[in-house]
Amino acid sequence: MRTKDRLEELIRDMPEDLKVEIYDFACFLLMKRYREDIREWSLFSLRQALQGLEQEEELYTEADLKVRWQ
């Protein structure tokens, strides 16, 4: 039996309030997966952007970061 059919059979006779909880939980699981996918893509993107920078010479020093007030 397919998962969809098993779920439909299980949910068919449940009270409406339990169906709402199941729906909310399914939405939670989808959002969790979506956030994990976005996080993985962001980390990959960052790694790609920074790749090779460890060999770059420093263009600025800490002294360049100081603000001078007159």
C-alpha atoms as a PDB file:
ATOM      1  CA  MET A   1       0.000   0.000   0.000  1.00  0.00           C
ATOM      2  CA  ARG A   2       1.327   3.443  -0.912  1.00  0.00           C
ATOM      3  CA  THR A   3       2.101   5.946   1.821  1.00  0.00           C
ATOM      4  CA  LYS A   4      -0.551   8.341   0.536  1.00  0.00           C
ATOM      5  CA  ASP A   5      -3.210   5.624   0.758  1.00  0.00           C
ATOM      6  CA  ARG A   6      -2.078   4.633   4.241  1.00  0.00           C
ATOM      7  CA  LEU A   7      -2.255   8.244   5.401  1.00  0.00           C
ATOM      8  CA  GLU A   8      -5.689   8.754   3.889  1.00  0.00           C
ATOM      9  CA  GLU A   9      -6.943   5.601   5.587  1.00  0.00           C
ATOM     10  CA  LEU A  10      -5.496   6.655   8.930  1.00  0.00           C
ATOM     11  CA  ILE A  11      -6.844  10.207   8.756  1.00  0.00           C
ATOM     12  CA  ARG A  12     -10.251   9.440   7.232  1.00  0.00           C
ATOM     13  CA  ASP A  13     -12.107   8.860  10.497  1.00  0.00           C
ATOM     14  CA  MET A  14     -10.123  11.172  12.775  1.00  0.00           C
ATOM     15  CA  PRO A  15     -11.814  14.077  14.500  1.00  0.00           C
ATOM     16  CA  GLU A  16     -11.350  17.420  12.763  1.00  0.00           C
ATOM     17  CA  ASP A  17      -9.138  18.844  15.538  1.00  0.00           C
ATOM     18  CA  LEU A  18      -6.620  16.001  15.032  1.00  0.00           C
ATOM     19  CA  LYS A  19      -6.678  16.583  11.275  1.00  0.00           C
ATOM     20  CA  VAL A  20      -5.773  20.215  11.922  1.00  0.00           C
ATOM     21  CA  GLU A  21      -2.843  19.130  14.111  1.00  0.00           C
ATOM     22  CA  ILE A  22      -1.634  16.734  11.422  1.00  0.00           C
ATOM     23  CA  TYR A  23      -1.850  19.514   8.835  1.00  0.00           C
ATOM     24  CA  ASP A  24       0.098  21.901  11.095  1.00  0.00           C
ATOM     25  CA  PHE A  25       2.768  19.257  11.708  1.00  0.00           C
ATOM     26  CA  ALA A  26       3.095  18.532   7.982  1.00  0.00           C
ATOM     27  CA  CYS A  27       3.568  22.270   7.341  1.00  0.00           C
ATOM     28  CA  PHE A  28       6.206  22.374  10.073  1.00  0.00           C
ATOM     29  CA  LEU A  29       8.096  19.469   8.484  1.00  0.00           C
ATOM     30  CA  LEU A  30       8.015  21.124   5.058  1.00  0.00           C
ATOM     31  CA  MET A  31       9.292  24.433   6.449  1.00  0.00           C
ATOM     32  CA  LYS A  32      12.041  22.621   8.354  1.00  0.00           C
ATOM     33  CA  ARG A  33      13.174  20.889   5.158  1.00  0.00           C
ATOM     34  CA  TYR A  34      13.006  24.190   3.254  1.00  0.00           C
ATOM     35  CA  ARG A  35      15.154  25.974   5.888  1.00  0.00           C
ATOM     36  CA  GLU A  36      17.706  23.138   5.849  1.00  0.00           C
ATOM     37  CA  ASP A  37      17.909  23.291   2.052  1.00  0.00           C
ATOM     38  CA  ILE A  38      18.381  27.069   2.123  1.00  0.00           C
ATOM     39  CA  ARG A  39      21.054  26.756   4.824  1.00  0.00           C
ATOM     40  CA  GLU A  40      22.954  24.108   2.872  1.00  0.00           C
ATOM     41  CA  TRP A  41      22.801  26.209  -0.288  1.00  0.00           C
ATOM     42  CA  SER A  42      23.985  29.306   1.594  1.00  0.00           C
ATOM     43  CA  LEU A  43      26.964  27.447   3.065  1.00  0.00           C
ATOM     44  CA  PHE A  44      27.869  26.032  -0.337  1.00  0.00           C
ATOM     45  CA  SER A  45      27.595  29.475  -1.896  1.00  0.00           C
ATOM     46  CA  LEU A  46      29.769  31.023   0.801  1.00  0.00           C
ATOM     47  CA  ARG A  47      32.412  28.298   0.433  1.00  0.00           C
ATOM     48  CA  GLN A  48      32.511  28.869  -3.313  1.00  0.00           C
ATOM     49  CA  ALA A  49      32.795  32.642  -2.898  1.00  0.00           C
ATOM     50  CA  LEU A  50      35.674  32.330  -0.421  1.00  0.00           C
ATOM     51  CA  GLN A  51      37.501  29.586  -2.298  1.00  0.00           C
ATOM     52  CA  GLY A  52      41.086  30.597  -3.029  1.00  0.00           C
ATOM     53  CA  LEU A  53      41.051  33.667  -0.793  1.00  0.00           C
ATOM     54  CA  GLU A  54      43.413  32.098   1.732  1.00  0.00           C
ATOM     55  CA  GLN A  55      46.291  32.681  -0.717  1.00  0.00           C
ATOM     56  CA  GLU A  56      45.373  36.323  -1.308  1.00  0.00           C
ATOM     57  CA  GLU A  57      47.605  38.947   0.237  1.00  0.00           C
ATOM     58  CA  GLU A  58      45.993  41.294   2.710  1.00  0.00           C
ATOM     59  CA  LEU A  59      45.101  44.640   1.201  1.00  0.00           C
ATOM     60  CA  TYR A  60      44.220  46.330   4.467  1.00  0.00           C
ATOM     61  CA  THR A  61      45.556  46.260   8.003  1.00  0.00           C
ATOM     62  CA  GLU A  62      43.789  46.835  11.278  1.00  0.00           C
ATOM     63  CA  ALA A  63      45.107  50.399  11.212  1.00  0.00           C
ATOM     64  CA  ASP A  64      43.074  51.014   8.065  1.00  0.00           C
ATOM     65  CA  LEU A  65      39.899  50.245  10.007  1.00  0.00           C
ATOM     66  CA  LYS A  66      40.338  52.950  12.618  1.00  0.00           C
ATOM     67  CA  VAL A  67      38.181  56.045  12.282  1.00  0.00           C
ATOM     68  CA  ARG A  68      39.953  59.322  12.820  1.00  0.00           C
ATOM     69  CA  TRP A  69      37.976  62.190  14.275  1.00  0.00           C
ATOM     70  CA  GLN A  70      39.140  65.718  13.790  1.00  0.00           C
END
